[in-house]
Every structure is written in C-alpha cells, then in structure tokens.
Amino acid sequence: MTVTQDDVVTDAPAEDTAVARLSARFGIAFAAGQLGVMIAMAVLVLPHVGSPGDPALERGRAILDTDTAYRLSNYAFMLSGTLLFGFLGVVQVRLRRVDVSGVLSTVAVAAGTVLALVWPFAAVLHDVALDAAAGGTDVRLLAGWDSIAPYSLAFSVLPRVFFIGALVLGLRMAGTSPWLQKAGLVLLPVSLLGSATLISDALFPVLALSTLGYELWVGALAWRWLAVPSRVALSVGYMRIFSRMHR
C-alpha cells in the first residue's frame, strides 16, 4: 500500500484541517489588509494634509478638508486591524502543542488581543477629534491630535514584543521555520527602538519599518502554518494510516 502526503494531511486532526486553517487565513488577511490600507492612505490621503512641520492652523484645516477620506481610512484600519483576533485561534493551538503548560499560548493570545485593539482604537479617537473640529473646535488642536497614530503605533510595540517573542519561542520548540525564527529575533530590537518614537519623532522611520516587517512576518507565519500541518498533526496522521494498514 502506498501512503502519500495527501493521505497524511487528510487524516490530520480536525483542528488542523478546518478551524485552525481558517484561523491561519485570518492571519494572511490581517497582513494583506493592513499593508493595503497603509499604502492607500500614503498615496491617497497623506499627500493632501501636508507634513508634521507645517503650521498647526494650516495643517489642521488641511486635515479637516480631507475629513471623509480620513474617516474611510480609519474605518478600513479598524476592520483590517481586528482581523488579528481571528488569527489568535491558530496561535493558541500551535503554541499549546509545543508547550503543554500553556504559558506561551497565554502570553501570545493576551499580547495579540491588546495588539488587535490599540491601533483600531486609535482610529476611533482620531474620528472623535475630527468630530470636535467639525463642530467648531480650534482646528489647530486637530493638527496635534493627528499624532495619535504614531504614538499609538509606538505603544503597540510593547505587546508586539511579547507576541513575537512567544511565537519565536514556539517555533524554536517545534524545530520549524528557522528563517521565521531569525526574522522574528531581528524584529524584536528594531521594534523596541521604534517604540522610542514616544520620546523622539526622529525614530518614526524605524517604527514604520518595524511595523511593516511585523505585518509581513505575521503573514508569512500564517502562510507557513496554512501550507504545512504541524508535526503533531503529521504524527497522528501517520499513526492512523499505520493502524488502518494492519487491520
């Protein structure tokens, strides 16, 4: 009797072939959505509001003039950002398999939950600022409120470090994806340096670069998990086929 890889995948545990695979697709959707919205905003919105160094009154008026575009972008960021919730399911499953104590899965899911909330909630607060400016508040305040995006992104680095760290440890314990392990280890110090944007605006390019790398990393990890079943799943699949051969 010939045993093929397809047989193994088919006989893998249900969570690897159905629910967990669906969860992995959310990780890909999260990465693609975040990158797509960032590119669209950089091309269609930000060029119309000037630069942070412009006079506050001039910049505030420019932001208010692009009110609709900003609100659409903020809503898109909220939708794409919360897709990370769906990915946390397979994160929990995979980490639980390599760490039965549940420590890594608990840290990763908790940190991922904060990550999925911080950035979208920043978009909500920016909408509040737009409402205040549209209602007659001094538009110069709106120019200041525009900094909530980089500051919230800088804050999100802190739970991001725990999220990536737990996943990297999980990959090391599983003995899989060495290139994702290395990339994750590089992201940790770069992300921490970018978080210092809260202290100096000059570090924002590092923050933006680390965020881009993080989103690509999550997408690559989700793609990897979607394409390749876990070793536990493969082992169970082989055991099932072996038992059928000897019935």
C-alpha atoms as a PDB file:
ATOM      1  CA  MET A   1       0.000   0.000   0.000  1.00  0.00           C
ATOM      2  CA  THR A   2       1.346   3.420  -0.942  1.00  0.00           C
ATOM      3  CA  VAL A   3       0.986   6.254   1.552  1.00  0.00           C
ATOM      4  CA  THR A   4       1.054   9.780   0.139  1.00  0.00           C
ATOM      5  CA  GLN A   5       1.461  13.143   1.818  1.00  0.00           C
ATOM      6  CA  ASP A   6      -2.145  13.933   0.892  1.00  0.00           C
ATOM      7  CA  ASP A   7      -3.250  10.935   2.946  1.00  0.00           C
ATOM      8  CA  VAL A   8      -1.414  12.294   5.951  1.00  0.00           C
ATOM      9  CA  VAL A   9      -2.891  15.753   5.648  1.00  0.00           C
ATOM     10  CA  THR A  10      -6.363  14.353   5.195  1.00  0.00           C
ATOM     11  CA  ASP A  11      -6.020  12.259   8.336  1.00  0.00           C
ATOM     12  CA  ALA A  12      -4.610  15.112  10.382  1.00  0.00           C
ATOM     13  CA  PRO A  13      -6.614  16.258  13.427  1.00  0.00           C
ATOM     14  CA  ALA A  14      -9.755  18.192  12.558  1.00  0.00           C
ATOM     15  CA  GLU A  15      -8.396  21.408  14.060  1.00  0.00           C
ATOM     16  CA  ASP A  16      -5.531  21.360  11.541  1.00  0.00           C
ATOM     17  CA  THR A  17      -7.716  20.751   8.512  1.00  0.00           C
ATOM     18  CA  ALA A  18     -10.653  23.014   9.295  1.00  0.00           C
ATOM     19  CA  VAL A  19     -10.876  25.530  12.126  1.00  0.00           C
ATOM     20  CA  ALA A  20      -7.145  26.153  12.577  1.00  0.00           C
ATOM     21  CA  ARG A  21      -6.648  26.530   8.838  1.00  0.00           C
ATOM     22  CA  LEU A  22      -9.453  29.074   8.743  1.00  0.00           C
ATOM     23  CA  SER A  23      -7.756  30.906  11.604  1.00  0.00           C
ATOM     24  CA  ALA A  24      -4.459  30.927   9.685  1.00  0.00           C
ATOM     25  CA  ARG A  25      -6.235  32.561   6.760  1.00  0.00           C
ATOM     26  CA  PHE A  26      -7.207  35.407   9.080  1.00  0.00           C
ATOM     27  CA  GLY A  27      -3.504  35.995   9.665  1.00  0.00           C
ATOM     28  CA  ILE A  28      -2.917  36.354   5.942  1.00  0.00           C
ATOM     29  CA  ALA A  29      -5.954  38.618   5.617  1.00  0.00           C
ATOM     30  CA  PHE A  30      -4.712  40.766   8.513  1.00  0.00           C
ATOM     31  CA  ALA A  31      -1.297  41.285   6.922  1.00  0.00           C
ATOM     32  CA  ALA A  32      -2.722  41.976   3.470  1.00  0.00           C
ATOM     33  CA  GLY A  33      -5.387  44.326   4.837  1.00  0.00           C
ATOM     34  CA  GLN A  34      -3.017  46.368   6.980  1.00  0.00           C
ATOM     35  CA  LEU A  35      -0.474  46.735   4.197  1.00  0.00           C
ATOM     36  CA  GLY A  36      -3.142  47.606   1.655  1.00  0.00           C
ATOM     37  CA  VAL A  37      -4.693  50.305   3.830  1.00  0.00           C
ATOM     38  CA  MET A  38      -1.277  51.774   4.696  1.00  0.00           C
ATOM     39  CA  ILE A  39      -0.340  52.024   1.025  1.00  0.00           C
ATOM     40  CA  ALA A  40      -3.710  53.510   0.062  1.00  0.00           C
ATOM     41  CA  MET A  41      -3.509  56.108   2.826  1.00  0.00           C
ATOM     42  CA  ALA A  42       0.074  57.038   1.937  1.00  0.00           C
ATOM     43  CA  VAL A  43      -0.930  57.561  -1.690  1.00  0.00           C
ATOM     44  CA  LEU A  44      -4.454  58.989  -1.448  1.00  0.00           C
ATOM     45  CA  VAL A  45      -4.715  60.799   1.894  1.00  0.00           C
ATOM     46  CA  LEU A  46      -1.445  61.913   3.471  1.00  0.00           C
ATOM     47  CA  PRO A  47      -0.178  63.935   0.457  1.00  0.00           C
ATOM     48  CA  HIS A  48      -3.187  66.262   0.905  1.00  0.00           C
ATOM     49  CA  VAL A  49      -2.591  67.142   4.567  1.00  0.00           C
ATOM     50  CA  GLY A  50       0.962  68.442   4.409  1.00  0.00           C
ATOM     51  CA  SER A  51       3.792  67.461   6.745  1.00  0.00           C
ATOM     52  CA  PRO A  52       4.024  67.478  10.559  1.00  0.00           C
ATOM     53  CA  GLY A  53       6.299  70.514  10.363  1.00  0.00           C
ATOM     54  CA  ASP A  54       3.650  72.715   8.744  1.00  0.00           C
ATOM     55  CA  PRO A  55       1.948  75.455  10.837  1.00  0.00           C
ATOM     56  CA  ALA A  56      -0.724  73.966  13.095  1.00  0.00           C
ATOM     57  CA  LEU A  57      -3.539  76.103  11.679  1.00  0.00           C
ATOM     58  CA  GLU A  58      -2.675  75.233   8.080  1.00  0.00           C
ATOM     59  CA  ARG A  59      -2.306  71.536   8.817  1.00  0.00           C
ATOM     60  CA  GLY A  60      -5.496  71.403  10.884  1.00  0.00           C
ATOM     61  CA  ARG A  61      -7.523  72.922   8.070  1.00  0.00           C
ATOM     62  CA  ALA A  62      -5.997  70.511   5.553  1.00  0.00           C
ATOM     63  CA  ILE A  63      -6.920  67.541   7.736  1.00  0.00           C
ATOM     64  CA  LEU A  64     -10.466  68.824   8.179  1.00  0.00           C
ATOM     65  CA  ASP A  65     -10.767  69.303   4.411  1.00  0.00           C
ATOM     66  CA  THR A  66      -9.966  65.608   3.930  1.00  0.00           C
ATOM     67  CA  ASP A  67     -12.438  64.558   6.646  1.00  0.00           C
ATOM     68  CA  THR A  68     -14.218  61.929   4.540  1.00  0.00           C
ATOM     69  CA  ALA A  69     -11.019  60.329   3.286  1.00  0.00           C
ATOM     70  CA  TYR A  70      -9.645  60.171   6.833  1.00  0.00           C
ATOM     71  CA  ARG A  71     -12.824  58.577   8.181  1.00  0.00           C
ATOM     72  CA  LEU A  72     -12.801  55.948   5.443  1.00  0.00           C
ATOM     73  CA  SER A  73      -9.139  55.200   6.130  1.00  0.00           C
ATOM     74  CA  ASN A  74      -9.752  54.981   9.865  1.00  0.00           C
ATOM     75  CA  TYR A  75     -12.634  52.576   9.315  1.00  0.00           C
ATOM     76  CA  ALA A  76     -10.516  50.435   6.997  1.00  0.00           C
ATOM     77  CA  PHE A  77      -7.747  50.343   9.620  1.00  0.00           C
ATOM     78  CA  MET A  78     -10.289  49.222  12.233  1.00  0.00           C
ATOM     79  CA  LEU A  79     -11.571  46.418  10.019  1.00  0.00           C
ATOM     80  CA  SER A  80      -8.149  45.139   8.982  1.00  0.00           C
ATOM     81  CA  GLY A  81      -6.636  45.512  12.444  1.00  0.00           C
ATOM     82  CA  THR A  82      -9.297  43.456  14.196  1.00  0.00           C
ATOM     83  CA  LEU A  83      -8.724  40.570  11.764  1.00  0.00           C
ATOM     84  CA  LEU A  84      -5.832  39.670  14.064  1.00  0.00           C
ATOM     85  CA  PHE A  85      -8.416  38.310  16.518  1.00  0.00           C
ATOM     86  CA  GLY A  86      -9.175  35.517  14.065  1.00  0.00           C
ATOM     87  CA  PHE A  87      -5.503  34.570  13.813  1.00  0.00           C
ATOM     88  CA  LEU A  88      -5.156  34.161  17.588  1.00  0.00           C
ATOM     89  CA  GLY A  89      -7.059  30.882  17.388  1.00  0.00           C
ATOM     90  CA  VAL A  90      -4.368  29.022  15.481  1.00  0.00           C
ATOM     91  CA  VAL A  91      -1.707  30.791  17.572  1.00  0.00           C
ATOM     92  CA  GLN A  92      -3.232  29.227  20.677  1.00  0.00           C
ATOM     93  CA  VAL A  93      -3.493  25.777  19.054  1.00  0.00           C
ATOM     94  CA  ARG A  94       0.069  25.716  17.735  1.00  0.00           C
ATOM     95  CA  LEU A  95       1.717  27.032  20.886  1.00  0.00           C
ATOM     96  CA  ARG A  96      -0.310  24.737  23.121  1.00  0.00           C
ATOM     97  CA  ARG A  97       1.035  21.756  21.227  1.00  0.00           C
ATOM     98  CA  VAL A  98       4.690  22.622  21.815  1.00  0.00           C
ATOM     99  CA  ASP A  99       4.187  23.970  25.354  1.00  0.00           C
ATOM    100  CA  VAL A 100       1.632  21.924  27.267  1.00  0.00           C
ATOM    101  CA  SER A 101       1.943  24.253  30.260  1.00  0.00           C
ATOM    102  CA  GLY A 102       0.061  26.865  28.251  1.00  0.00           C
ATOM    103  CA  VAL A 103       2.462  29.665  29.206  1.00  0.00           C
ATOM    104  CA  LEU A 104       3.436  30.614  25.647  1.00  0.00           C
ATOM    105  CA  SER A 105      -0.112  30.432  24.305  1.00  0.00           C
ATOM    106  CA  THR A 106      -1.416  32.564  27.183  1.00  0.00           C
ATOM    107  CA  VAL A 107       1.221  35.259  26.657  1.00  0.00           C
ATOM    108  CA  ALA A 108       0.754  35.279  22.888  1.00  0.00           C
ATOM    109  CA  VAL A 109      -3.056  35.455  22.978  1.00  0.00           C
ATOM    110  CA  ALA A 110      -3.059  38.160  25.670  1.00  0.00           C
ATOM    111  CA  ALA A 111      -0.498  40.266  23.808  1.00  0.00           C
ATOM    112  CA  GLY A 112      -2.261  39.681  20.496  1.00  0.00           C
ATOM    113  CA  THR A 113      -5.555  40.821  21.977  1.00  0.00           C
ATOM    114  CA  VAL A 114      -4.005  44.120  23.054  1.00  0.00           C
ATOM    115  CA  LEU A 115      -2.401  44.472  19.614  1.00  0.00           C
ATOM    116  CA  ALA A 116      -5.737  43.935  17.903  1.00  0.00           C
ATOM    117  CA  LEU A 117      -7.291  46.746  19.956  1.00  0.00           C
ATOM    118  CA  VAL A 118      -4.664  49.501  20.256  1.00  0.00           C
ATOM    119  CA  TRP A 119      -4.315  50.501  16.609  1.00  0.00           C
ATOM    120  CA  PRO A 120      -8.052  50.301  15.714  1.00  0.00           C
ATOM    121  CA  PHE A 121      -8.966  52.258  18.849  1.00  0.00           C
ATOM    122  CA  ALA A 122      -6.521  54.976  17.828  1.00  0.00           C
ATOM    123  CA  ALA A 123      -8.592  55.338  14.650  1.00  0.00           C
ATOM    124  CA  VAL A 124     -11.724  55.749  16.788  1.00  0.00           C
ATOM    125  CA  LEU A 125     -10.095  58.516  18.830  1.00  0.00           C
ATOM    126  CA  HIS A 126      -8.997  60.264  15.651  1.00  0.00           C
ATOM    127  CA  ASP A 127     -12.607  60.250  14.468  1.00  0.00           C
ATOM    128  CA  VAL A 128     -13.578  61.891  17.764  1.00  0.00           C
ATOM    129  CA  ALA A 129     -11.040  64.637  17.059  1.00  0.00           C
ATOM    130  CA  LEU A 130     -12.489  65.102  13.565  1.00  0.00           C
ATOM    131  CA  ASP A 131     -15.964  65.450  15.052  1.00  0.00           C
ATOM    132  CA  ALA A 132     -14.720  68.057  17.536  1.00  0.00           C
ATOM    133  CA  ALA A 133     -13.040  70.080  14.793  1.00  0.00           C
ATOM    134  CA  ALA A 134     -16.097  69.864  12.546  1.00  0.00           C
ATOM    135  CA  GLY A 135     -18.188  71.121  15.453  1.00  0.00           C
ATOM    136  CA  GLY A 136     -16.219  74.352  15.764  1.00  0.00           C
ATOM    137  CA  THR A 137     -13.219  73.490  17.954  1.00  0.00           C
ATOM    138  CA  ASP A 138      -9.969  75.256  17.075  1.00  0.00           C
ATOM    139  CA  VAL A 139      -8.587  73.255  14.129  1.00  0.00           C
ATOM    140  CA  ARG A 140      -5.078  73.721  15.453  1.00  0.00           C
ATOM    141  CA  LEU A 141      -5.922  71.069  18.034  1.00  0.00           C
ATOM    142  CA  LEU A 142      -6.712  68.701  15.177  1.00  0.00           C
ATOM    143  CA  ALA A 143      -3.134  69.034  13.960  1.00  0.00           C
ATOM    144  CA  GLY A 144      -1.973  67.901  17.391  1.00  0.00           C
ATOM    145  CA  TRP A 145      -4.465  65.039  17.525  1.00  0.00           C
ATOM    146  CA  ASP A 146      -3.009  63.725  14.292  1.00  0.00           C
ATOM    147  CA  SER A 147      -0.040  62.489  16.328  1.00  0.00           C
ATOM    148  CA  ILE A 148      -2.242  59.849  17.952  1.00  0.00           C
ATOM    149  CA  ALA A 149      -1.450  57.480  15.066  1.00  0.00           C
ATOM    150  CA  PRO A 150       2.354  57.292  15.515  1.00  0.00           C
ATOM    151  CA  TYR A 151       2.082  57.421  19.318  1.00  0.00           C
ATOM    152  CA  SER A 152      -0.442  54.580  19.437  1.00  0.00           C
ATOM    153  CA  LEU A 153       1.668  52.621  17.000  1.00  0.00           C
ATOM    154  CA  ALA A 154       4.700  53.168  19.233  1.00  0.00           C
ATOM    155  CA  PHE A 155       2.743  51.966  22.265  1.00  0.00           C
ATOM    156  CA  SER A 156       1.589  48.864  20.375  1.00  0.00           C
ATOM    157  CA  VAL A 157       5.237  47.805  20.065  1.00  0.00           C
ATOM    158  CA  LEU A 158       5.257  46.797  23.745  1.00  0.00           C
ATOM    159  CA  PRO A 159       2.648  43.999  23.446  1.00  0.00           C
ATOM    160  CA  ARG A 160       4.056  43.237  19.976  1.00  0.00           C
ATOM    161  CA  VAL A 161       7.383  42.266  21.522  1.00  0.00           C
ATOM    162  CA  PHE A 162       5.669  39.710  23.775  1.00  0.00           C
ATOM    163  CA  PHE A 163       3.568  38.431  20.857  1.00  0.00           C
ATOM    164  CA  ILE A 164       6.535  37.912  18.539  1.00  0.00           C
ATOM    165  CA  GLY A 165       8.712  36.592  21.353  1.00  0.00           C
ATOM    166  CA  ALA A 166       6.208  33.905  22.337  1.00  0.00           C
ATOM    167  CA  LEU A 167       5.778  32.836  18.717  1.00  0.00           C
ATOM    168  CA  VAL A 168       9.532  32.671  18.117  1.00  0.00           C
ATOM    169  CA  LEU A 169       9.971  30.506  21.218  1.00  0.00           C
ATOM    170  CA  GLY A 170       7.161  28.291  19.988  1.00  0.00           C
ATOM    171  CA  LEU A 171       8.819  27.882  16.597  1.00  0.00           C
ATOM    172  CA  ARG A 172      12.139  27.030  18.275  1.00  0.00           C
ATOM    173  CA  MET A 173      10.489  24.412  20.488  1.00  0.00           C
ATOM    174  CA  ALA A 174       8.758  22.925  17.440  1.00  0.00           C
ATOM    175  CA  GLY A 175      12.019  22.970  15.481  1.00  0.00           C
ATOM    176  CA  THR A 176      10.373  24.567  12.446  1.00  0.00           C
ATOM    177  CA  SER A 177      10.773  27.624  10.206  1.00  0.00           C
ATOM    178  CA  PRO A 178      14.329  28.686  11.155  1.00  0.00           C
ATOM    179  CA  TRP A 179      14.150  31.692   8.832  1.00  0.00           C
ATOM    180  CA  LEU A 180      10.995  32.931  10.576  1.00  0.00           C
ATOM    181  CA  GLN A 181      12.742  32.456  13.910  1.00  0.00           C
ATOM    182  CA  LYS A 182      15.687  34.583  12.764  1.00  0.00           C
ATOM    183  CA  ALA A 183      13.445  37.254  11.262  1.00  0.00           C
ATOM    184  CA  GLY A 184      11.428  37.416  14.477  1.00  0.00           C
ATOM    185  CA  LEU A 185      14.575  37.843  16.565  1.00  0.00           C
ATOM    186  CA  VAL A 186      15.660  40.729  14.335  1.00  0.00           C
ATOM    187  CA  LEU A 187      12.247  42.387  14.663  1.00  0.00           C
ATOM    188  CA  LEU A 188      12.420  42.471  18.471  1.00  0.00           C
ATOM    189  CA  PRO A 189      15.234  45.032  18.963  1.00  0.00           C
ATOM    190  CA  VAL A 190      14.210  47.054  15.899  1.00  0.00           C
ATOM    191  CA  SER A 191      10.655  47.287  17.217  1.00  0.00           C
ATOM    192  CA  LEU A 192      11.849  48.346  20.671  1.00  0.00           C
ATOM    193  CA  LEU A 193      13.976  51.075  19.138  1.00  0.00           C
ATOM    194  CA  GLY A 194      10.965  52.259  17.131  1.00  0.00           C
ATOM    195  CA  SER A 195       8.862  52.474  20.291  1.00  0.00           C
ATOM    196  CA  ALA A 196      11.107  55.340  21.381  1.00  0.00           C
ATOM    197  CA  THR A 197       9.154  57.466  18.894  1.00  0.00           C
ATOM    198  CA  LEU A 198       7.238  58.413  22.040  1.00  0.00           C
ATOM    199  CA  ILE A 199      10.424  60.232  23.065  1.00  0.00           C
ATOM    200  CA  SER A 200      11.777  61.429  19.727  1.00  0.00           C
ATOM    201  CA  ASP A 201       9.918  61.861  16.431  1.00  0.00           C
ATOM    202  CA  ALA A 202      13.196  61.201  14.620  1.00  0.00           C
ATOM    203  CA  LEU A 203      12.750  57.473  15.308  1.00  0.00           C
ATOM    204  CA  PHE A 204       9.433  57.232  13.485  1.00  0.00           C
ATOM    205  CA  PRO A 205      11.049  55.768  10.310  1.00  0.00           C
ATOM    206  CA  VAL A 206      12.374  52.898  12.457  1.00  0.00           C
ATOM    207  CA  LEU A 207       8.885  52.422  13.910  1.00  0.00           C
ATOM    208  CA  ALA A 208       7.311  52.369  10.448  1.00  0.00           C
ATOM    209  CA  LEU A 209       9.929  49.907   9.154  1.00  0.00           C
ATOM    210  CA  SER A 210       9.493  47.558  12.123  1.00  0.00           C
ATOM    211  CA  THR A 211       5.699  47.680  11.729  1.00  0.00           C
ATOM    212  CA  LEU A 212       5.968  46.773   8.062  1.00  0.00           C
ATOM    213  CA  GLY A 213       8.302  43.916   8.955  1.00  0.00           C
ATOM    214  CA  TYR A 214       5.963  42.697  11.700  1.00  0.00           C
ATOM    215  CA  GLU A 215       2.949  42.592   9.390  1.00  0.00           C
ATOM    216  CA  LEU A 216       4.894  40.754   6.693  1.00  0.00           C
ATOM    217  CA  TRP A 217       6.193  38.351   9.351  1.00  0.00           C
ATOM    218  CA  VAL A 218       2.693  37.553  10.607  1.00  0.00           C
ATOM    219  CA  GLY A 219       1.512  36.995   7.043  1.00  0.00           C
ATOM    220  CA  ALA A 220       4.465  34.689   6.314  1.00  0.00           C
ATOM    221  CA  LEU A 221       3.882  32.712   9.519  1.00  0.00           C
ATOM    222  CA  ALA A 222       0.178  32.327   8.751  1.00  0.00           C
ATOM    223  CA  TRP A 223       1.009  31.198   5.215  1.00  0.00           C
ATOM    224  CA  ARG A 224       3.514  28.679   6.583  1.00  0.00           C
ATOM    225  CA  TRP A 225       1.000  27.237   9.021  1.00  0.00           C
ATOM    226  CA  LEU A 226      -1.664  27.101   6.332  1.00  0.00           C
ATOM    227  CA  ALA A 227       0.614  25.284   3.897  1.00  0.00           C
ATOM    228  CA  VAL A 228       2.271  22.849   6.301  1.00  0.00           C
ATOM    229  CA  PRO A 229       0.450  20.923   9.056  1.00  0.00           C
ATOM    230  CA  SER A 230       2.132  20.736  12.432  1.00  0.00           C
ATOM    231  CA  ARG A 231       4.416  17.832  13.307  1.00  0.00           C
ATOM    232  CA  VAL A 232       1.876  16.667  15.843  1.00  0.00           C
ATOM    233  CA  ALA A 233      -0.759  16.543  13.113  1.00  0.00           C
ATOM    234  CA  LEU A 234       1.585  14.604  10.822  1.00  0.00           C
ATOM    235  CA  SER A 235       2.432  12.124  13.592  1.00  0.00           C
ATOM    236  CA  VAL A 236      -1.235  11.489  14.346  1.00  0.00           C
ATOM    237  CA  GLY A 237      -1.921  11.110  10.625  1.00  0.00           C
ATOM    238  CA  TYR A 238       0.841   8.506  10.217  1.00  0.00           C
ATOM    239  CA  MET A 239      -0.373   6.597  13.265  1.00  0.00           C
ATOM    240  CA  ARG A 240      -3.913   6.455  11.867  1.00  0.00           C
ATOM    241  CA  ILE A 241      -2.750   5.229   8.475  1.00  0.00           C
ATOM    242  CA  PHE A 242      -0.427   2.679  10.074  1.00  0.00           C
ATOM    243  CA  SER A 243      -3.288   1.306  12.175  1.00  0.00           C
ATOM    244  CA  ARG A 244      -5.531   1.005   9.089  1.00  0.00           C
ATOM    245  CA  MET A 245      -2.829  -0.908   7.215  1.00  0.00           C
ATOM    246  CA  HIS A 246      -2.723  -3.547   9.939  1.00  0.00           C
ATOM    247  CA  ARG A 247      -6.417  -4.058  10.480  1.00  0.00           C
END
